[in-house]
Amino acid sequence: MTDSEKAVTVIEALKAAEREPAQTALPILNGLVGLVQGDGNQPLEVEEARSGAFMAICEVGKALHRGQPADSLWASAIAAAEKWKAVAG
């Protein structure tokens, strides 16, 4: 699976998880970890965009786990994944 394909899968999963309660969304987010892990073989721009998406997804997960509001964090995570997709081409 290419980075672009991984990013598309991540975007779709984030949009689906955003509509779910925390107890349903958290396992979806946990399932994305393997997709957003880098292998270091991509150009720096792609690795930076991928790691930005990873960090944004982690922020959503932390907020959900703590019972904190995550509305703006979802938008940031989706935007970061979309940037990853665009950079990965």
PDB file of N, CA and C in Angstrom:
ATOM      1  N   MET A   1       0.853  -1.179   0.000  1.00  0.00           N
ATOM      2  CA  MET A   1       0.000   0.000   0.000  1.00  0.00           C
ATOM      3  C   MET A   1       0.897   1.239   0.000  1.00  0.00           C
ATOM      4  N   THR A   2       0.624   2.159  -0.905  1.00  0.00           N
ATOM      5  CA  THR A   2       1.408   3.391  -0.982  1.00  0.00           C
ATOM      6  C   THR A   2       1.022   4.341   0.155  1.00  0.00           C
ATOM      7  N   ASP A   3       1.869   5.341   0.375  1.00  0.00           N
ATOM      8  CA  ASP A   3       1.549   6.331   1.402  1.00  0.00           C
ATOM      9  C   ASP A   3       0.246   7.050   1.072  1.00  0.00           C
ATOM     10  N   SER A   4       0.034   7.329  -0.188  1.00  0.00           N
ATOM     11  CA  SER A   4      -1.198   8.000  -0.597  1.00  0.00           C
ATOM     12  C   SER A   4      -2.418   7.138  -0.276  1.00  0.00           C
ATOM     13  N   GLU A   5      -2.327   5.852  -0.548  1.00  0.00           N
ATOM     14  CA  GLU A   5      -3.428   4.932  -0.239  1.00  0.00           C
ATOM     15  C   GLU A   5      -3.642   4.815   1.269  1.00  0.00           C
ATOM     16  N   LYS A   6      -2.550   4.785   2.018  1.00  0.00           N
ATOM     17  CA  LYS A   6      -2.664   4.743   3.481  1.00  0.00           C
ATOM     18  C   LYS A   6      -3.369   5.993   3.992  1.00  0.00           C
ATOM     19  N   ALA A   7      -2.983   7.142   3.449  1.00  0.00           N
ATOM     20  CA  ALA A   7      -3.589   8.403   3.878  1.00  0.00           C
ATOM     21  C   ALA A   7      -5.085   8.421   3.580  1.00  0.00           C
ATOM     22  N   VAL A   8      -5.481   7.913   2.419  1.00  0.00           N
ATOM     23  CA  VAL A   8      -6.908   7.851   2.073  1.00  0.00           C
ATOM     24  C   VAL A   8      -7.653   6.983   3.082  1.00  0.00           C
ATOM     25  N   THR A   9      -7.078   5.839   3.429  1.00  0.00           N
ATOM     26  CA  THR A   9      -7.696   4.944   4.407  1.00  0.00           C
ATOM     27  C   THR A   9      -7.818   5.631   5.760  1.00  0.00           C
ATOM     28  N   VAL A  10      -6.772   6.353   6.156  1.00  0.00           N
ATOM     29  CA  VAL A  10      -6.782   7.072   7.433  1.00  0.00           C
ATOM     30  C   VAL A  10      -7.862   8.151   7.426  1.00  0.00           C
ATOM     31  N   ILE A  11      -7.961   8.903   6.356  1.00  0.00           N
ATOM     32  CA  ILE A  11      -8.976   9.963   6.258  1.00  0.00           C
ATOM     33  C   ILE A  11     -10.376   9.375   6.392  1.00  0.00           C
ATOM     34  N   GLU A  12     -10.637   8.303   5.677  1.00  0.00           N
ATOM     35  CA  GLU A  12     -11.954   7.659   5.745  1.00  0.00           C
ATOM     36  C   GLU A  12     -12.253   7.166   7.157  1.00  0.00           C
ATOM     37  N   ALA A  13     -11.258   6.561   7.800  1.00  0.00           N
ATOM     38  CA  ALA A  13     -11.458   6.052   9.160  1.00  0.00           C
ATOM     39  C   ALA A  13     -11.683   7.190  10.148  1.00  0.00           C
ATOM     40  N   LEU A  14     -10.941   8.278   9.999  1.00  0.00           N
ATOM     41  CA  LEU A  14     -11.130   9.425  10.892  1.00  0.00           C
ATOM     42  C   LEU A  14     -12.530  10.013  10.750  1.00  0.00           C
ATOM     43  N   LYS A  15     -12.993  10.144   9.528  1.00  0.00           N
ATOM     44  CA  LYS A  15     -14.334  10.695   9.311  1.00  0.00           C
ATOM     45  C   LYS A  15     -15.407   9.778   9.889  1.00  0.00           C
ATOM     46  N   ALA A  16     -15.200   8.481   9.779  1.00  0.00           N
ATOM     47  CA  ALA A  16     -16.156   7.528  10.351  1.00  0.00           C
ATOM     48  C   ALA A  16     -16.103   7.563  11.876  1.00  0.00           C
ATOM     49  N   ALA A  17     -14.902   7.598  12.437  1.00  0.00           N
ATOM     50  CA  ALA A  17     -14.739   7.585  13.894  1.00  0.00           C
ATOM     51  C   ALA A  17     -15.267   8.861  14.532  1.00  0.00           C
ATOM     52  N   GLU A  18     -15.159   9.971  13.816  1.00  0.00           N
ATOM     53  CA  GLU A  18     -15.610  11.262  14.347  1.00  0.00           C
ATOM     54  C   GLU A  18     -17.091  11.228  14.710  1.00  0.00           C
ATOM     55  N   ARG A  19     -17.869  10.437  14.005  1.00  0.00           N
ATOM     56  CA  ARG A  19     -19.315  10.363  14.238  1.00  0.00           C
ATOM     57  C   ARG A  19     -19.683   9.401  15.364  1.00  0.00           C
ATOM     58  N   GLU A  20     -18.699   8.718  15.913  1.00  0.00           N
ATOM     59  CA  GLU A  20     -18.957   7.687  16.919  1.00  0.00           C
ATOM     60  C   GLU A  20     -18.673   8.196  18.328  1.00  0.00           C
ATOM     61  N   PRO A  21     -19.280   7.554  19.334  1.00  0.00           N
ATOM     62  CA  PRO A  21     -18.917   7.881  20.713  1.00  0.00           C
ATOM     63  C   PRO A  21     -17.478   7.441  20.990  1.00  0.00           C
ATOM     64  N   ALA A  22     -16.899   8.006  22.030  1.00  0.00           N
ATOM     65  CA  ALA A  22     -15.488   7.751  22.343  1.00  0.00           C
ATOM     66  C   ALA A  22     -15.159   6.269  22.444  1.00  0.00           C
ATOM     67  N   GLN A  23     -16.011   5.493  23.101  1.00  0.00           N
ATOM     68  CA  GLN A  23     -15.704   4.076  23.298  1.00  0.00           C
ATOM     69  C   GLN A  23     -15.663   3.302  21.986  1.00  0.00           C
ATOM     70  N   THR A  24     -16.309   3.805  20.957  1.00  0.00           N
ATOM     71  CA  THR A  24     -16.263   3.186  19.627  1.00  0.00           C
ATOM     72  C   THR A  24     -15.129   3.782  18.798  1.00  0.00           C
ATOM     73  N   ALA A  25     -14.898   5.075  18.947  1.00  0.00           N
ATOM     74  CA  ALA A  25     -13.874   5.762  18.156  1.00  0.00           C
ATOM     75  C   ALA A  25     -12.459   5.359  18.554  1.00  0.00           C
ATOM     76  N   LEU A  26     -12.219   5.143  19.835  1.00  0.00           N
ATOM     77  CA  LEU A  26     -10.860   4.819  20.286  1.00  0.00           C
ATOM     78  C   LEU A  26     -10.282   3.575  19.614  1.00  0.00           C
ATOM     79  N   PRO A  27     -11.010   2.461  19.529  1.00  0.00           N
ATOM     80  CA  PRO A  27     -10.440   1.300  18.830  1.00  0.00           C
ATOM     81  C   PRO A  27     -10.169   1.571  17.345  1.00  0.00           C
ATOM     82  N   ILE A  28     -10.984   2.416  16.736  1.00  0.00           N
ATOM     83  CA  ILE A  28     -10.745   2.774  15.334  1.00  0.00           C
ATOM     84  C   ILE A  28      -9.418   3.522  15.228  1.00  0.00           C
ATOM     85  N   LEU A  29      -9.209   4.479  16.125  1.00  0.00           N
ATOM     86  CA  LEU A  29      -7.955   5.238  16.121  1.00  0.00           C
ATOM     87  C   LEU A  29      -6.762   4.327  16.386  1.00  0.00           C
ATOM     88  N   ASN A  30      -6.909   3.418  17.333  1.00  0.00           N
ATOM     89  CA  ASN A  30      -5.817   2.483  17.630  1.00  0.00           C
ATOM     90  C   ASN A  30      -5.469   1.646  16.406  1.00  0.00           C
ATOM     91  N   GLY A  31      -6.467   1.322  15.609  1.00  0.00           N
ATOM     92  CA  GLY A  31      -6.236   0.538  14.404  1.00  0.00           C
ATOM     93  C   GLY A  31      -5.475   1.287  13.320  1.00  0.00           C
ATOM     94  N   LEU A  32      -5.376   2.591  13.444  1.00  0.00           N
ATOM     95  CA  LEU A  32      -4.671   3.394  12.444  1.00  0.00           C
ATOM     96  C   LEU A  32      -3.170   3.461  12.679  1.00  0.00           C
ATOM     97  N   VAL A  33      -2.728   3.044  13.844  1.00  0.00           N
ATOM     98  CA  VAL A  33      -1.313   3.171  14.200  1.00  0.00           C
ATOM     99  C   VAL A  33      -0.409   2.526  13.154  1.00  0.00           C
ATOM    100  N   GLY A  34      -0.742   1.327  12.727  1.00  0.00           N
ATOM    101  CA  GLY A  34       0.090   0.648  11.738  1.00  0.00           C
ATOM    102  C   GLY A  34       0.164   1.377  10.407  1.00  0.00           C
ATOM    103  N   LEU A  35      -0.893   2.089  10.071  1.00  0.00           N
ATOM    104  CA  LEU A  35      -0.911   2.817   8.798  1.00  0.00           C
ATOM    105  C   LEU A  35      -0.088   4.095   8.844  1.00  0.00           C
ATOM    106  N   VAL A  36      -0.001   4.713  10.006  1.00  0.00           N
ATOM    107  CA  VAL A  36       0.707   5.990  10.087  1.00  0.00           C
ATOM    108  C   VAL A  36       2.140   5.852  10.576  1.00  0.00           C
ATOM    109  N   GLN A  37       2.589   4.637  10.810  1.00  0.00           N
ATOM    110  CA  GLN A  37       3.992   4.434  11.161  1.00  0.00           C
ATOM    111  C   GLN A  37       4.822   4.527   9.892  1.00  0.00           C
ATOM    112  N   GLY A  38       5.908   5.260   9.966  1.00  0.00           N
ATOM    113  CA  GLY A  38       6.759   5.427   8.794  1.00  0.00           C
ATOM    114  C   GLY A  38       7.874   4.402   8.762  1.00  0.00           C
ATOM    115  N   ASP A  39       8.412   4.199   7.572  1.00  0.00           N
ATOM    116  CA  ASP A  39       9.545   3.292   7.436  1.00  0.00           C
ATOM    117  C   ASP A  39      10.829   4.047   7.122  1.00  0.00           C
ATOM    118  N   GLY A  40      10.714   5.371   7.003  1.00  0.00           N
ATOM    119  CA  GLY A  40      11.884   6.194   6.749  1.00  0.00           C
ATOM    120  C   GLY A  40      12.380   6.149   5.318  1.00  0.00           C
ATOM    121  N   ASN A  41      11.664   5.475   4.444  1.00  0.00           N
ATOM    122  CA  ASN A  41      12.094   5.348   3.051  1.00  0.00           C
ATOM    123  C   ASN A  41      11.456   6.378   2.131  1.00  0.00           C
ATOM    124  N   GLN A  42      10.653   7.253   2.678  1.00  0.00           N
ATOM    125  CA  GLN A  42       9.965   8.265   1.874  1.00  0.00           C
ATOM    126  C   GLN A  42      10.739   9.581   1.925  1.00  0.00           C
ATOM    127  N   PRO A  43      10.490  10.464   0.970  1.00  0.00           N
ATOM    128  CA  PRO A  43      11.113  11.792   1.034  1.00  0.00           C
ATOM    129  C   PRO A  43      10.738  12.498   2.342  1.00  0.00           C
ATOM    130  N   LEU A  44      11.595  13.398   2.759  1.00  0.00           N
ATOM    131  CA  LEU A  44      11.406  14.097   4.031  1.00  0.00           C
ATOM    132  C   LEU A  44      10.034  14.752   4.133  1.00  0.00           C
ATOM    133  N   GLU A  45       9.558  15.351   3.062  1.00  0.00           N
ATOM    134  CA  GLU A  45       8.265  16.033   3.092  1.00  0.00           C
ATOM    135  C   GLU A  45       7.130  15.057   3.407  1.00  0.00           C
ATOM    136  N   VAL A  46       7.213  13.866   2.841  1.00  0.00           N
ATOM    137  CA  VAL A  46       6.186  12.850   3.085  1.00  0.00           C
ATOM    138  C   VAL A  46       6.271  12.368   4.525  1.00  0.00           C
ATOM    139  N   GLU A  47       7.488  12.129   5.014  1.00  0.00           N
ATOM    140  CA  GLU A  47       7.663  11.670   6.397  1.00  0.00           C
ATOM    141  C   GLU A  47       7.165  12.717   7.392  1.00  0.00           C
ATOM    142  N   GLU A  48       7.432  13.981   7.114  1.00  0.00           N
ATOM    143  CA  GLU A  48       6.961  15.050   8.003  1.00  0.00           C
ATOM    144  C   GLU A  48       5.440  15.131   8.008  1.00  0.00           C
ATOM    145  N   ALA A  49       4.824  15.027   6.845  1.00  0.00           N
ATOM    146  CA  ALA A  49       3.361  15.076   6.767  1.00  0.00           C
ATOM    147  C   ALA A  49       2.751  13.865   7.461  1.00  0.00           C
ATOM    148  N   ARG A  50       3.348  12.693   7.264  1.00  0.00           N
ATOM    149  CA  ARG A  50       2.862  11.473   7.910  1.00  0.00           C
ATOM    150  C   ARG A  50       2.974  11.586   9.426  1.00  0.00           C
ATOM    151  N   SER A  51       4.119  12.069   9.907  1.00  0.00           N
ATOM    152  CA  SER A  51       4.289  12.187  11.356  1.00  0.00           C
ATOM    153  C   SER A  51       3.355  13.243  11.939  1.00  0.00           C
ATOM    154  N   GLY A  52       3.054  14.289  11.168  1.00  0.00           N
ATOM    155  CA  GLY A  52       2.078  15.283  11.615  1.00  0.00           C
ATOM    156  C   GLY A  52       0.699  14.673  11.770  1.00  0.00           C
ATOM    157  N   ALA A  53       0.331  13.813  10.826  1.00  0.00           N
ATOM    158  CA  ALA A  53      -0.959  13.116  10.923  1.00  0.00           C
ATOM    159  C   ALA A  53      -0.969  12.198  12.137  1.00  0.00           C
ATOM    160  N   PHE A  54       0.133  11.494  12.360  1.00  0.00           N
ATOM    161  CA  PHE A  54       0.237  10.596  13.510  1.00  0.00           C
ATOM    162  C   PHE A  54       0.040  11.366  14.815  1.00  0.00           C
ATOM    163  N   MET A  55       0.729  12.488  14.948  1.00  0.00           N
ATOM    164  CA  MET A  55       0.625  13.277  16.178  1.00  0.00           C
ATOM    165  C   MET A  55      -0.791  13.823  16.370  1.00  0.00           C
ATOM    166  N   ALA A  56      -1.416  14.261  15.297  1.00  0.00           N
ATOM    167  CA  ALA A  56      -2.780  14.788  15.393  1.00  0.00           C
ATOM    168  C   ALA A  56      -3.761  13.696  15.810  1.00  0.00           C
ATOM    169  N   ILE A  57      -3.576  12.491  15.279  1.00  0.00           N
ATOM    170  CA  ILE A  57      -4.428  11.361  15.663  1.00  0.00           C
ATOM    171  C   ILE A  57      -4.213  11.022  17.135  1.00  0.00           C
ATOM    172  N   CYS A  58      -2.975  11.077  17.587  1.00  0.00           N
ATOM    173  CA  CYS A  58      -2.683  10.819  19.004  1.00  0.00           C
ATOM    174  C   CYS A  58      -3.372  11.834  19.908  1.00  0.00           C
ATOM    175  N   GLU A  59      -3.403  13.091  19.487  1.00  0.00           N
ATOM    176  CA  GLU A  59      -4.072  14.133  20.277  1.00  0.00           C
ATOM    177  C   GLU A  59      -5.564  13.852  20.402  1.00  0.00           C
ATOM    178  N   VAL A  60      -6.186  13.410  19.325  1.00  0.00           N
ATOM    179  CA  VAL A  60      -7.606  13.049  19.381  1.00  0.00           C
ATOM    180  C   VAL A  60      -7.794  11.896  20.355  1.00  0.00           C
ATOM    181  N   GLY A  61      -6.961  10.881  20.237  1.00  0.00           N
ATOM    182  CA  GLY A  61      -7.062   9.716  21.116  1.00  0.00           C
ATOM    183  C   GLY A  61      -6.900  10.081  22.581  1.00  0.00           C
ATOM    184  N   LYS A  62      -5.931  10.947  22.881  1.00  0.00           N
ATOM    185  CA  LYS A  62      -5.725  11.372  24.272  1.00  0.00           C
ATOM    186  C   LYS A  62      -6.953  12.092  24.811  1.00  0.00           C
ATOM    187  N   ALA A  63      -7.503  12.992  24.010  1.00  0.00           N
ATOM    188  CA  ALA A  63      -8.683  13.738  24.453  1.00  0.00           C
ATOM    189  C   ALA A  63      -9.859  12.800  24.696  1.00  0.00           C
ATOM    190  N   LEU A  64     -10.096  11.884  23.779  1.00  0.00           N
ATOM    191  CA  LEU A  64     -11.207  10.940  23.948  1.00  0.00           C
ATOM    192  C   LEU A  64     -10.998  10.072  25.182  1.00  0.00           C
ATOM    193  N   HIS A  65      -9.784   9.606  25.366  1.00  0.00           N
ATOM    194  CA  HIS A  65      -9.476   8.747  26.514  1.00  0.00           C
ATOM    195  C   HIS A  65      -9.718   9.479  27.835  1.00  0.00           C
ATOM    196  N   ARG A  66      -9.433  10.775  27.844  1.00  0.00           N
ATOM    197  CA  ARG A  66      -9.588  11.577  29.062  1.00  0.00           C
ATOM    198  C   ARG A  66     -10.989  12.158  29.208  1.00  0.00           C
ATOM    199  N   GLY A  67     -11.847  11.922  28.224  1.00  0.00           N
ATOM    200  CA  GLY A  67     -13.199  12.462  28.281  1.00  0.00           C
ATOM    201  C   GLY A  67     -13.270  13.947  27.990  1.00  0.00           C
ATOM    202  N   GLN A  68     -12.265  14.472  27.312  1.00  0.00           N
ATOM    203  CA  GLN A  68     -12.220  15.892  26.979  1.00  0.00           C
ATOM    204  C   GLN A  68     -12.840  16.137  25.601  1.00  0.00           C
ATOM    205  N   PRO A  69     -13.253  17.371  25.337  1.00  0.00           N
ATOM    206  CA  PRO A  69     -13.802  17.692  24.017  1.00  0.00           C
ATOM    207  C   PRO A  69     -12.740  17.492  22.930  1.00  0.00           C
ATOM    208  N   ALA A  70     -13.152  16.936  21.809  1.00  0.00           N
ATOM    209  CA  ALA A  70     -12.200  16.653  20.732  1.00  0.00           C
ATOM    210  C   ALA A  70     -12.653  17.225  19.393  1.00  0.00           C
ATOM    211  N   ASP A  71     -13.698  18.050  19.404  1.00  0.00           N
ATOM    212  CA  ASP A  71     -14.260  18.539  18.141  1.00  0.00           C
ATOM    213  C   ASP A  71     -13.218  19.191  17.237  1.00  0.00           C
ATOM    214  N   SER A  72     -12.464  20.141  17.756  1.00  0.00           N
ATOM    215  CA  SER A  72     -11.469  20.825  16.919  1.00  0.00           C
ATOM    216  C   SER A  72     -10.303  19.907  16.584  1.00  0.00           C
ATOM    217  N   LEU A  73     -10.043  18.937  17.450  1.00  0.00           N
ATOM    218  CA  LEU A  73      -8.936  18.007  17.207  1.00  0.00           C
ATOM    219  C   LEU A  73      -9.225  17.079  16.034  1.00  0.00           C
ATOM    220  N   TRP A  74     -10.496  16.699  15.884  1.00  0.00           N
ATOM    221  CA  TRP A  74     -10.867  15.861  14.734  1.00  0.00           C
ATOM    222  C   TRP A  74     -10.536  16.589  13.438  1.00  0.00           C
ATOM    223  N   ALA A  75     -10.926  17.853  13.364  1.00  0.00           N
ATOM    224  CA  ALA A  75     -10.678  18.640  12.150  1.00  0.00           C
ATOM    225  C   ALA A  75      -9.184  18.744  11.870  1.00  0.00           C
ATOM    226  N   SER A  76      -8.389  18.929  12.912  1.00  0.00           N
ATOM    227  CA  SER A  76      -6.937  19.015  12.744  1.00  0.00           C
ATOM    228  C   SER A  76      -6.354  17.698  12.256  1.00  0.00           C
ATOM    229  N   ALA A  77      -6.844  16.593  12.801  1.00  0.00           N
ATOM    230  CA  ALA A  77      -6.342  15.278  12.399  1.00  0.00           C
ATOM    231  C   ALA A  77      -6.701  14.977  10.946  1.00  0.00           C
ATOM    232  N   ILE A  78      -7.922  15.303  10.561  1.00  0.00           N
ATOM    233  CA  ILE A  78      -8.344  15.070   9.177  1.00  0.00           C
ATOM    234  C   ILE A  78      -7.534  15.954   8.230  1.00  0.00           C
ATOM    235  N   ALA A  79      -7.330  17.208   8.604  1.00  0.00           N
ATOM    236  CA  ALA A  79      -6.539  18.117   7.765  1.00  0.00           C
ATOM    237  C   ALA A  79      -5.101  17.624   7.634  1.00  0.00           C
ATOM    238  N   ALA A  80      -4.530  17.117   8.723  1.00  0.00           N
ATOM    239  CA  ALA A  80      -3.158  16.597   8.674  1.00  0.00           C
ATOM    240  C   ALA A  80      -3.066  15.376   7.770  1.00  0.00           C
ATOM    241  N   ALA A  81      -4.064  14.512   7.832  1.00  0.00           N
ATOM    242  CA  ALA A  81      -4.075  13.327   6.965  1.00  0.00           C
ATOM    243  C   ALA A  81      -4.262  13.732   5.504  1.00  0.00           C
ATOM    244  N   GLU A  82      -5.064  14.748   5.262  1.00  0.00           N
ATOM    245  CA  GLU A  82      -5.254  15.232   3.893  1.00  0.00           C
ATOM    246  C   GLU A  82      -3.968  15.851   3.348  1.00  0.00           C
ATOM    247  N   LYS A  83      -3.231  16.535   4.212  1.00  0.00           N
ATOM    248  CA  LYS A  83      -1.932  17.086   3.800  1.00  0.00           C
ATOM    249  C   LYS A  83      -0.981  15.948   3.450  1.00  0.00           C
ATOM    250  N   TRP A  84      -0.966  14.904   4.279  1.00  0.00           N
ATOM    251  CA  TRP A  84      -0.122  13.738   4.018  1.00  0.00           C
ATOM    252  C   TRP A  84      -0.452  13.149   2.647  1.00  0.00           C
ATOM    253  N   LYS A  85      -1.741  13.007   2.384  1.00  0.00           N
ATOM    254  CA  LYS A  85      -2.177  12.458   1.094  1.00  0.00           C
ATOM    255  C   LYS A  85      -1.692  13.333  -0.059  1.00  0.00           C
ATOM    256  N   ALA A  86      -1.837  14.642   0.088  1.00  0.00           N
ATOM    257  CA  ALA A  86      -1.435  15.564  -0.976  1.00  0.00           C
ATOM    258  C   ALA A  86       0.072  15.507  -1.227  1.00  0.00           C
ATOM    259  N   VAL A  87       0.848  15.460  -0.161  1.00  0.00           N
ATOM    260  CA  VAL A  87       2.305  15.432  -0.296  1.00  0.00           C
ATOM    261  C   VAL A  87       2.775  14.090  -0.858  1.00  0.00           C
ATOM    262  N   ALA A  88       2.097  13.023  -0.449  1.00  0.00           N
ATOM    263  CA  ALA A  88       2.489  11.686  -0.906  1.00  0.00           C
ATOM    264  C   ALA A  88       2.169  11.483  -2.380  1.00  0.00           C
ATOM    265  N   GLY A  89       1.204  12.273  -2.883  1.00  0.00           N
ATOM    266  CA  GLY A  89       0.858  12.227  -4.296  1.00  0.00           C
ATOM    267  C   GLY A  89       0.183  10.983  -4.691  1.00  0.00           C
TER     268      GLY A  89
END
